Amino acid sequence: MVKRNARQVVVPPKSFDPLWSPREIFEIDRSNVVLQLRTLRHAIDEGAQEMEMVAAERVFAKSLSRTLMRRARKLRVVAKDLNSLLRLVERSHVERPPARPAPKSERSSPRSARSVERDPRAERTKAMATG
């Protein structure tokens, strides 16, 4: 028996609005990945359960039933791995852009400060500005 769940389907628009923020685009992408991982995990888990049930009923030969049971256990491990990946994706957030360095005009090094102090034109300009 297959149980169907109501799913929230995020339909990306055909074209992106240039006013969308990177955060909104990230949320759309993240929700799509979450949906895909949940669907995949659910399908793998259902398949493993079906294989275990067939193996338990011993419809096939004993060796094949054992093989089905082993593979079903491996599928359960894969589903658990996908579950941990799903949790990581759900907790993810938009990374902040790296801080920009100050413009060169705002940076001051001791060397450039000394050269300005020695420049007579700079002192004249400073004197004219102060009055």
C-alpha atoms as a PDB file:
ATOM      1  CA  MET A   1       0.000   0.000   0.000  1.00  0.00           C
ATOM      2  CA  VAL A   2       1.451   3.328  -1.024  1.00  0.00           C
ATOM      3  CA  LYS A   3       0.708   6.310   1.184  1.00  0.00           C
ATOM      4  CA  ARG A   4       0.575   9.637  -0.619  1.00  0.00           C
ATOM      5  CA  ASN A   5       1.335  12.832   1.241  1.00  0.00           C
ATOM      6  CA  ALA A   6       0.198  16.290   0.369  1.00  0.00           C
ATOM      7  CA  ARG A   7       3.323  18.121  -0.781  1.00  0.00           C
ATOM      8  CA  GLN A   8       4.111  21.755  -1.011  1.00  0.00           C
ATOM      9  CA  VAL A   9       5.312  22.290  -4.521  1.00  0.00           C
ATOM     10  CA  VAL A  10       7.384  25.360  -5.199  1.00  0.00           C
ATOM     11  CA  VAL A  11       7.036  26.349  -8.807  1.00  0.00           C
ATOM     12  CA  PRO A  12       9.828  28.634  -9.907  1.00  0.00           C
ATOM     13  CA  PRO A  13       8.696  31.441 -12.165  1.00  0.00           C
ATOM     14  CA  LYS A  14       9.573  31.323 -15.843  1.00  0.00           C
ATOM     15  CA  SER A  15      11.652  34.481 -15.519  1.00  0.00           C
ATOM     16  CA  PHE A  16      13.241  36.074 -12.492  1.00  0.00           C
ATOM     17  CA  ASP A  17      12.169  39.460 -11.257  1.00  0.00           C
ATOM     18  CA  PRO A  18      15.279  41.652 -11.074  1.00  0.00           C
ATOM     19  CA  LEU A  19      13.951  43.066  -7.795  1.00  0.00           C
ATOM     20  CA  TRP A  20      14.258  39.698  -6.059  1.00  0.00           C
ATOM     21  CA  SER A  21      16.852  39.646  -3.386  1.00  0.00           C
ATOM     22  CA  PRO A  22      19.534  36.961  -3.250  1.00  0.00           C
ATOM     23  CA  ARG A  23      17.801  35.743  -0.070  1.00  0.00           C
ATOM     24  CA  GLU A  24      14.517  35.121  -1.913  1.00  0.00           C
ATOM     25  CA  ILE A  25      16.288  33.239  -4.694  1.00  0.00           C
ATOM     26  CA  PHE A  26      18.182  31.201  -2.100  1.00  0.00           C
ATOM     27  CA  GLU A  27      14.934  30.299  -0.312  1.00  0.00           C
ATOM     28  CA  ILE A  28      13.364  29.068  -3.555  1.00  0.00           C
ATOM     29  CA  ASP A  29      16.411  26.934  -4.356  1.00  0.00           C
ATOM     30  CA  ARG A  30      16.616  25.597  -0.818  1.00  0.00           C
ATOM     31  CA  SER A  31      12.937  24.648  -0.710  1.00  0.00           C
ATOM     32  CA  ASN A  32      13.275  22.825  -4.036  1.00  0.00           C
ATOM     33  CA  VAL A  33      16.296  20.839  -2.793  1.00  0.00           C
ATOM     34  CA  VAL A  34      14.470  20.016   0.464  1.00  0.00           C
ATOM     35  CA  LEU A  35      11.472  18.765  -1.508  1.00  0.00           C
ATOM     36  CA  GLN A  36      13.663  16.610  -3.758  1.00  0.00           C
ATOM     37  CA  LEU A  37      15.563  15.129  -0.814  1.00  0.00           C
ATOM     38  CA  ARG A  38      12.347  14.343   1.075  1.00  0.00           C
ATOM     39  CA  THR A  39      10.816  12.711  -1.977  1.00  0.00           C
ATOM     40  CA  LEU A  40      13.927  10.644  -2.646  1.00  0.00           C
ATOM     41  CA  ARG A  41      14.305   9.616   1.006  1.00  0.00           C
ATOM     42  CA  HIS A  42      10.636   8.625   1.157  1.00  0.00           C
ATOM     43  CA  ALA A  43      10.862   6.555  -2.051  1.00  0.00           C
ATOM     44  CA  ILE A  44      14.020   4.763  -0.870  1.00  0.00           C
ATOM     45  CA  ASP A  45      12.462   4.063   2.522  1.00  0.00           C
ATOM     46  CA  GLU A  46       9.284   2.683   0.920  1.00  0.00           C
ATOM     47  CA  GLY A  47      11.322   0.498  -1.426  1.00  0.00           C
ATOM     48  CA  ALA A  48      13.360  -0.876   1.467  1.00  0.00           C
ATOM     49  CA  GLN A  49      10.185  -1.651   3.395  1.00  0.00           C
ATOM     50  CA  GLU A  50       8.672  -3.494   0.428  1.00  0.00           C
ATOM     51  CA  MET A  51      11.858  -5.513  -0.039  1.00  0.00           C
ATOM     52  CA  GLU A  52      11.891  -6.454   3.646  1.00  0.00           C
ATOM     53  CA  MET A  53       8.265  -7.585   3.478  1.00  0.00           C
ATOM     54  CA  VAL A  54       8.901  -9.738   0.395  1.00  0.00           C
ATOM     55  CA  ALA A  55      11.983 -11.216   2.057  1.00  0.00           C
ATOM     56  CA  ALA A  56      10.017 -11.960   5.234  1.00  0.00           C
ATOM     57  CA  GLU A  57       7.289 -13.729   3.249  1.00  0.00           C
ATOM     58  CA  ARG A  58       9.963 -15.922   1.615  1.00  0.00           C
ATOM     59  CA  VAL A  59       8.362 -15.687  -1.773  1.00  0.00           C
ATOM     60  CA  PHE A  60      11.731 -16.421  -3.341  1.00  0.00           C
ATOM     61  CA  ALA A  61      14.437 -18.911  -2.442  1.00  0.00           C
ATOM     62  CA  LYS A  62      16.109 -18.522   0.935  1.00  0.00           C
ATOM     63  CA  SER A  63      19.363 -17.111  -0.487  1.00  0.00           C
ATOM     64  CA  LEU A  64      17.508 -14.532  -2.570  1.00  0.00           C
ATOM     65  CA  SER A  65      15.369 -13.553   0.430  1.00  0.00           C
ATOM     66  CA  ARG A  66      18.540 -12.979   2.480  1.00  0.00           C
ATOM     67  CA  THR A  67      19.993 -10.886  -0.336  1.00  0.00           C
ATOM     68  CA  LEU A  68      16.809  -8.801  -0.453  1.00  0.00           C
ATOM     69  CA  MET A  69      16.995  -8.273   3.302  1.00  0.00           C
ATOM     70  CA  ARG A  70      20.659  -7.176   3.134  1.00  0.00           C
ATOM     71  CA  ARG A  71      19.978  -4.755   0.308  1.00  0.00           C
ATOM     72  CA  ALA A  72      16.951  -3.372   2.122  1.00  0.00           C
ATOM     73  CA  ARG A  73      19.157  -2.642   5.141  1.00  0.00           C
ATOM     74  CA  LYS A  74      21.657  -0.869   2.881  1.00  0.00           C
ATOM     75  CA  LEU A  75      18.836   1.219   1.450  1.00  0.00           C
ATOM     76  CA  ARG A  76      17.759   2.168   4.979  1.00  0.00           C
ATOM     77  CA  VAL A  77      21.317   3.393   5.642  1.00  0.00           C
ATOM     78  CA  VAL A  78      21.160   5.495   2.462  1.00  0.00           C
ATOM     79  CA  ALA A  79      17.813   6.933   3.584  1.00  0.00           C
ATOM     80  CA  LYS A  80      19.332   7.886   6.960  1.00  0.00           C
ATOM     81  CA  ASP A  81      22.250   9.534   5.163  1.00  0.00           C
ATOM     82  CA  LEU A  82      19.814  11.509   3.026  1.00  0.00           C
ATOM     83  CA  ASN A  83      17.968  12.484   6.190  1.00  0.00           C
ATOM     84  CA  SER A  84      21.124  14.011   7.671  1.00  0.00           C
ATOM     85  CA  LEU A  85      21.776  15.840   4.396  1.00  0.00           C
ATOM     86  CA  LEU A  86      18.186  17.076   4.458  1.00  0.00           C
ATOM     87  CA  ARG A  87      18.675  18.505   7.953  1.00  0.00           C
ATOM     88  CA  LEU A  88      21.824  20.315   6.816  1.00  0.00           C
ATOM     89  CA  VAL A  89      20.004  21.857   3.862  1.00  0.00           C
ATOM     90  CA  GLU A  90      17.072  22.891   6.061  1.00  0.00           C
ATOM     91  CA  ARG A  91      19.428  24.664   8.498  1.00  0.00           C
ATOM     92  CA  SER A  92      21.406  26.404   5.772  1.00  0.00           C
ATOM     93  CA  HIS A  93      21.223  30.152   5.323  1.00  0.00           C
ATOM     94  CA  VAL A  94      22.401  32.795   2.909  1.00  0.00           C
ATOM     95  CA  GLU A  95      26.073  33.542   3.391  1.00  0.00           C
ATOM     96  CA  ARG A  96      26.974  37.130   3.932  1.00  0.00           C
ATOM     97  CA  PRO A  97      29.093  38.635   1.196  1.00  0.00           C
ATOM     98  CA  PRO A  98      32.720  39.110   2.200  1.00  0.00           C
ATOM     99  CA  ALA A  99      33.517  42.522   3.658  1.00  0.00           C
ATOM    100  CA  ARG A 100      34.952  44.909   1.132  1.00  0.00           C
ATOM    101  CA  PRO A 101      38.337  46.419   1.856  1.00  0.00           C
ATOM    102  CA  ALA A 102      38.429  50.170   2.438  1.00  0.00           C
ATOM    103  CA  PRO A 103      39.139  52.272  -0.663  1.00  0.00           C
ATOM    104  CA  LYS A 104      42.788  53.197  -1.182  1.00  0.00           C
ATOM    105  CA  SER A 105      42.106  56.844  -0.333  1.00  0.00           C
ATOM    106  CA  GLU A 106      40.923  55.851   3.174  1.00  0.00           C
ATOM    107  CA  ARG A 107      43.805  53.493   3.815  1.00  0.00           C
ATOM    108  CA  SER A 108      46.796  55.130   5.386  1.00  0.00           C
ATOM    109  CA  SER A 109      50.157  53.677   5.933  1.00  0.00           C
ATOM    110  CA  PRO A 110      52.897  55.316   7.985  1.00  0.00           C
ATOM    111  CA  ARG A 111      54.945  55.722   4.841  1.00  0.00           C
ATOM    112  CA  SER A 112      52.301  57.707   2.962  1.00  0.00           C
ATOM    113  CA  ALA A 113      51.545  59.870   6.014  1.00  0.00           C
ATOM    114  CA  ARG A 114      55.228  60.863   6.299  1.00  0.00           C
ATOM    115  CA  SER A 115      55.458  61.767   2.629  1.00  0.00           C
ATOM    116  CA  VAL A 116      52.428  64.068   2.946  1.00  0.00           C
ATOM    117  CA  GLU A 117      53.945  65.813   5.957  1.00  0.00           C
ATOM    118  CA  ARG A 118      57.134  66.621   4.020  1.00  0.00           C
ATOM    119  CA  ASP A 119      55.321  67.902   0.945  1.00  0.00           C
ATOM    120  CA  PRO A 120      55.266  71.735   1.065  1.00  0.00           C
ATOM    121  CA  ARG A 121      52.349  71.860  -1.397  1.00  0.00           C
ATOM    122  CA  ALA A 122      50.234  69.809   0.989  1.00  0.00           C
ATOM    123  CA  GLU A 123      51.019  72.206   3.807  1.00  0.00           C
ATOM    124  CA  ARG A 124      50.126  75.214   1.647  1.00  0.00           C
ATOM    125  CA  THR A 125      46.863  73.556   0.625  1.00  0.00           C
ATOM    126  CA  LYS A 126      46.091  72.784   4.248  1.00  0.00           C
ATOM    127  CA  ALA A 127      46.873  76.385   5.258  1.00  0.00           C
ATOM    128  CA  MET A 128      44.645  77.783   2.500  1.00  0.00           C
ATOM    129  CA  ALA A 129      41.783  75.505   3.495  1.00  0.00           C
ATOM    130  CA  THR A 130      41.920  76.506   7.165  1.00  0.00           C
ATOM    131  CA  GLY A 131      42.085  80.157   6.341  1.00  0.00           C
END
